[in-house]
Amino acid sequence: MIIDVVEIQKILPHRFPFLLIDRVTNLEVGSYIEAYKNVTIGEHIFQGHFPDHPIYPGVMIVEGMAQAGGVLAFKSVSKSEQNATKDKVVYFMSIDKCKFRSPVKPGDKLVYKLQVLKHKGSVWVLDAKAYVDEKLACQAELKAMIVDK
């Protein structure tokens, strides 16, 4: 299932400059998502991180993985619940076992791959990984909950 940025904006409340997913390339309802972000030198974050040596911040990578997890969660609920997503939002509950393996730079395609570890009610636990050119850049275990706005 391919989901473009217009459809992503119907699912997530995030907008530029904080929408950190350009496209979903694979989604298995209730199980798995793969999405990506094209990291460009035009990102506002590079004005200060760092002007002479631009590195995409790890916290932005983790947020991008979380946004992909939000799309997975919203697309995995029942059709009637999907209609109510405009009144819902996904909140982080925890970020565990987070490790940064290699830097992400302008020009990189950052690929997010998330697998559901547990799902009970509105709580989701996800194994999240981010890659550049199939090299692991970041990994974490994310726990989130779908809540009313």
C-alpha atoms as a PDB file:
ATOM      1  CA  MET A   1       0.000   0.000   0.000  1.00  0.00           C
ATOM      2  CA  ILE A   2       1.552   3.285  -1.128  1.00  0.00           C
ATOM      3  CA  ILE A   3       0.439   6.436   0.685  1.00  0.00           C
ATOM      4  CA  ASP A   4       1.571   9.819  -0.637  1.00  0.00           C
ATOM      5  CA  VAL A   5       2.151  12.970   1.397  1.00  0.00           C
ATOM      6  CA  VAL A   6      -1.343  14.343   0.696  1.00  0.00           C
ATOM      7  CA  GLU A   7      -2.922  11.216   2.190  1.00  0.00           C
ATOM      8  CA  ILE A   8      -0.408  11.229   5.080  1.00  0.00           C
ATOM      9  CA  GLN A   9      -1.617  14.738   5.955  1.00  0.00           C
ATOM     10  CA  LYS A  10      -5.164  13.374   6.205  1.00  0.00           C
ATOM     11  CA  ILE A  11      -3.926  10.853   8.797  1.00  0.00           C
ATOM     12  CA  LEU A  12      -1.410  12.843  10.858  1.00  0.00           C
ATOM     13  CA  PRO A  13      -1.856  16.342  12.324  1.00  0.00           C
ATOM     14  CA  HIS A  14       1.777  17.288  11.532  1.00  0.00           C
ATOM     15  CA  ARG A  15       2.559  19.900   8.882  1.00  0.00           C
ATOM     16  CA  PHE A  16       5.677  21.514   7.429  1.00  0.00           C
ATOM     17  CA  PRO A  17       8.246  21.881   8.869  1.00  0.00           C
ATOM     18  CA  PHE A  18       7.416  19.050  11.274  1.00  0.00           C
ATOM     19  CA  LEU A  19       5.879  16.480   8.922  1.00  0.00           C
ATOM     20  CA  LEU A  20       8.785  14.040   8.633  1.00  0.00           C
ATOM     21  CA  ILE A  21       7.413  11.439   6.204  1.00  0.00           C
ATOM     22  CA  ASP A  22       7.306  11.963   2.440  1.00  0.00           C
ATOM     23  CA  ARG A  23       5.738   8.637   1.457  1.00  0.00           C
ATOM     24  CA  VAL A  24       4.676   5.246   2.779  1.00  0.00           C
ATOM     25  CA  THR A  25       5.915   2.501   0.462  1.00  0.00           C
ATOM     26  CA  ASN A  26       4.673  -0.593   2.292  1.00  0.00           C
ATOM     27  CA  LEU A  27       2.032  -1.128   4.934  1.00  0.00           C
ATOM     28  CA  GLU A  28       0.734  -4.384   6.351  1.00  0.00           C
ATOM     29  CA  VAL A  29      -2.252  -3.515   8.542  1.00  0.00           C
ATOM     30  CA  GLY A  30      -1.568  -4.264  12.206  1.00  0.00           C
ATOM     31  CA  SER A  31       1.949  -5.486  11.502  1.00  0.00           C
ATOM     32  CA  TYR A  32       4.477  -3.426   9.520  1.00  0.00           C
ATOM     33  CA  ILE A  33       5.173  -0.119   7.807  1.00  0.00           C
ATOM     34  CA  GLU A  34       7.946   1.180   5.603  1.00  0.00           C
ATOM     35  CA  ALA A  35       8.142   4.891   4.822  1.00  0.00           C
ATOM     36  CA  TYR A  36      10.762   7.427   3.865  1.00  0.00           C
ATOM     37  CA  LYS A  37      11.880  11.021   4.129  1.00  0.00           C
ATOM     38  CA  ASN A  38      14.172  12.720   1.662  1.00  0.00           C
ATOM     39  CA  VAL A  39      16.585  14.786   3.739  1.00  0.00           C
ATOM     40  CA  THR A  40      17.536  17.967   1.848  1.00  0.00           C
ATOM     41  CA  ILE A  41      19.904  20.836   2.575  1.00  0.00           C
ATOM     42  CA  GLY A  42      16.797  23.072   2.511  1.00  0.00           C
ATOM     43  CA  GLU A  43      15.647  21.658   5.882  1.00  0.00           C
ATOM     44  CA  HIS A  44      15.342  24.525   8.358  1.00  0.00           C
ATOM     45  CA  ILE A  45      17.124  22.440  11.006  1.00  0.00           C
ATOM     46  CA  PHE A  46      20.462  22.672   9.166  1.00  0.00           C
ATOM     47  CA  GLN A  47      20.663  26.421   9.809  1.00  0.00           C
ATOM     48  CA  GLY A  48      21.769  25.562  13.330  1.00  0.00           C
ATOM     49  CA  HIS A  49      22.711  21.842  13.272  1.00  0.00           C
ATOM     50  CA  PHE A  50      25.428  22.428  12.143  1.00  0.00           C
ATOM     51  CA  PRO A  51      26.055  25.213   9.589  1.00  0.00           C
ATOM     52  CA  ASP A  52      29.542  24.015   8.598  1.00  0.00           C
ATOM     53  CA  HIS A  53      28.869  20.291   9.071  1.00  0.00           C
ATOM     54  CA  PRO A  54      25.143  19.530   8.517  1.00  0.00           C
ATOM     55  CA  ILE A  55      23.893  16.485  10.431  1.00  0.00           C
ATOM     56  CA  TYR A  56      20.198  15.603  10.666  1.00  0.00           C
ATOM     57  CA  PRO A  57      19.386  15.517  14.418  1.00  0.00           C
ATOM     58  CA  GLY A  58      18.729  12.142  16.027  1.00  0.00           C
ATOM     59  CA  VAL A  59      15.610  13.464  17.718  1.00  0.00           C
ATOM     60  CA  MET A  60      14.168  14.223  14.269  1.00  0.00           C
ATOM     61  CA  ILE A  61      14.927  10.660  13.136  1.00  0.00           C
ATOM     62  CA  VAL A  62      13.093   9.280  16.186  1.00  0.00           C
ATOM     63  CA  GLU A  63      10.153  11.614  15.542  1.00  0.00           C
ATOM     64  CA  GLY A  64      10.014  10.466  11.913  1.00  0.00           C
ATOM     65  CA  MET A  65       9.894   6.839  13.035  1.00  0.00           C
ATOM     66  CA  ALA A  66       7.127   7.757  15.475  1.00  0.00           C
ATOM     67  CA  GLN A  67       5.124   9.462  12.733  1.00  0.00           C
ATOM     68  CA  ALA A  68       5.414   6.336  10.593  1.00  0.00           C
ATOM     69  CA  GLY A  69       4.178   4.357  13.602  1.00  0.00           C
ATOM     70  CA  GLY A  70       1.238   6.751  13.883  1.00  0.00           C
ATOM     71  CA  VAL A  71       0.264   6.101  10.276  1.00  0.00           C
ATOM     72  CA  LEU A  72       0.491   2.355  10.903  1.00  0.00           C
ATOM     73  CA  ALA A  73      -1.669   2.607  14.028  1.00  0.00           C
ATOM     74  CA  PHE A  74      -4.342   4.776  12.375  1.00  0.00           C
ATOM     75  CA  LYS A  75      -4.455   2.591   9.260  1.00  0.00           C
ATOM     76  CA  SER A  76      -4.766  -0.528  11.444  1.00  0.00           C
ATOM     77  CA  VAL A  77      -7.889   0.476  13.347  1.00  0.00           C
ATOM     78  CA  SER A  78     -11.392  -0.382  12.117  1.00  0.00           C
ATOM     79  CA  LYS A  79     -12.958   1.631   9.289  1.00  0.00           C
ATOM     80  CA  SER A  80     -15.373   3.360  11.676  1.00  0.00           C
ATOM     81  CA  GLU A  81     -12.456   4.374  13.928  1.00  0.00           C
ATOM     82  CA  GLN A  82     -10.499   5.633  10.905  1.00  0.00           C
ATOM     83  CA  ASN A  83     -13.295   8.114  10.235  1.00  0.00           C
ATOM     84  CA  ALA A  84     -12.681   9.565  13.712  1.00  0.00           C
ATOM     85  CA  THR A  85      -8.907  10.071  13.278  1.00  0.00           C
ATOM     86  CA  LYS A  86      -9.367  13.827  12.893  1.00  0.00           C
ATOM     87  CA  ASP A  87     -10.343  13.834  16.573  1.00  0.00           C
ATOM     88  CA  LYS A  88      -7.414  11.604  17.627  1.00  0.00           C
ATOM     89  CA  VAL A  89      -3.664  11.967  18.007  1.00  0.00           C
ATOM     90  CA  VAL A  90      -0.821   9.575  18.812  1.00  0.00           C
ATOM     91  CA  TYR A  91       1.223  10.367  21.939  1.00  0.00           C
ATOM     92  CA  PHE A  92       4.618   8.925  22.807  1.00  0.00           C
ATOM     93  CA  MET A  93       4.624   6.927  26.027  1.00  0.00           C
ATOM     94  CA  SER A  94       8.256   5.838  25.929  1.00  0.00           C
ATOM     95  CA  ILE A  95      11.347   5.605  23.769  1.00  0.00           C
ATOM     96  CA  ASP A  96      13.523   2.677  24.862  1.00  0.00           C
ATOM     97  CA  LYS A  97      16.751   1.101  23.653  1.00  0.00           C
ATOM     98  CA  CYS A  98      17.423   4.036  21.324  1.00  0.00           C
ATOM     99  CA  LYS A  99      20.757   3.936  19.538  1.00  0.00           C
ATOM    100  CA  PHE A 100      22.202   6.094  16.803  1.00  0.00           C
ATOM    101  CA  ARG A 101      24.441   4.071  14.495  1.00  0.00           C
ATOM    102  CA  SER A 102      25.499   6.449  11.725  1.00  0.00           C
ATOM    103  CA  PRO A 103      24.940  10.114  10.861  1.00  0.00           C
ATOM    104  CA  VAL A 104      22.255  11.247   8.441  1.00  0.00           C
ATOM    105  CA  LYS A 105      23.249  14.060   6.074  1.00  0.00           C
ATOM    106  CA  PRO A 106      21.611  16.231   3.426  1.00  0.00           C
ATOM    107  CA  GLY A 107      20.948  14.215   0.289  1.00  0.00           C
ATOM    108  CA  ASP A 108      20.177  11.019   2.201  1.00  0.00           C
ATOM    109  CA  LYS A 109      16.962   9.063   1.807  1.00  0.00           C
ATOM    110  CA  LEU A 110      15.974   8.085   5.335  1.00  0.00           C
ATOM    111  CA  VAL A 111      13.939   4.856   5.279  1.00  0.00           C
ATOM    112  CA  TYR A 112      11.816   4.002   8.319  1.00  0.00           C
ATOM    113  CA  LYS A 113      10.920   0.340   8.968  1.00  0.00           C
ATOM    114  CA  LEU A 114       8.639  -0.441  11.904  1.00  0.00           C
ATOM    115  CA  GLN A 115       7.308  -3.776  13.120  1.00  0.00           C
ATOM    116  CA  VAL A 116       4.526  -4.152  15.694  1.00  0.00           C
ATOM    117  CA  LEU A 117       5.781  -5.935  18.810  1.00  0.00           C
ATOM    118  CA  LYS A 118       2.551  -5.566  20.817  1.00  0.00           C
ATOM    119  CA  HIS A 119      -0.838  -3.976  20.342  1.00  0.00           C
ATOM    120  CA  LYS A 120      -3.492  -3.887  23.018  1.00  0.00           C
ATOM    121  CA  GLY A 121      -6.386  -1.461  22.895  1.00  0.00           C
ATOM    122  CA  SER A 122      -5.034   1.970  22.038  1.00  0.00           C
ATOM    123  CA  VAL A 123      -1.421   1.123  23.021  1.00  0.00           C
ATOM    124  CA  TRP A 124       1.182   0.177  20.431  1.00  0.00           C
ATOM    125  CA  VAL A 125       4.744  -1.083  20.984  1.00  0.00           C
ATOM    126  CA  LEU A 126       6.924  -0.888  17.886  1.00  0.00           C
ATOM    127  CA  ASP A 127      10.393  -2.028  16.887  1.00  0.00           C
ATOM    128  CA  ALA A 128      11.584   0.958  14.859  1.00  0.00           C
ATOM    129  CA  LYS A 129      14.611   1.224  12.618  1.00  0.00           C
ATOM    130  CA  ALA A 130      15.854   3.939  10.263  1.00  0.00           C
ATOM    131  CA  TYR A 131      18.218   3.233   7.371  1.00  0.00           C
ATOM    132  CA  VAL A 132      20.241   5.162   4.809  1.00  0.00           C
ATOM    133  CA  ASP A 133      21.339   3.090   1.807  1.00  0.00           C
ATOM    134  CA  GLU A 134      20.379  -0.064   3.755  1.00  0.00           C
ATOM    135  CA  LYS A 135      22.800   0.919   6.553  1.00  0.00           C
ATOM    136  CA  LEU A 136      21.222   1.166  10.015  1.00  0.00           C
ATOM    137  CA  ALA A 137      21.216   4.790  11.193  1.00  0.00           C
ATOM    138  CA  CYS A 138      18.957   4.540  14.254  1.00  0.00           C
ATOM    139  CA  GLN A 139      16.935   1.991  16.189  1.00  0.00           C
ATOM    140  CA  ALA A 140      14.514   2.208  19.105  1.00  0.00           C
ATOM    141  CA  GLU A 141      11.558   0.568  20.760  1.00  0.00           C
ATOM    142  CA  LEU A 142       8.652   3.005  20.716  1.00  0.00           C
ATOM    143  CA  LYS A 143       5.512   2.876  22.810  1.00  0.00           C
ATOM    144  CA  ALA A 144       2.596   5.112  21.878  1.00  0.00           C
ATOM    145  CA  MET A 145      -1.089   5.534  22.547  1.00  0.00           C
ATOM    146  CA  ILE A 146      -3.934   6.833  20.407  1.00  0.00           C
ATOM    147  CA  VAL A 147      -5.852   9.424  22.435  1.00  0.00           C
ATOM    148  CA  ASP A 148      -8.577  12.027  21.942  1.00  0.00           C
ATOM    149  CA  LYS A 149      -7.319  15.507  21.076  1.00  0.00           C
END
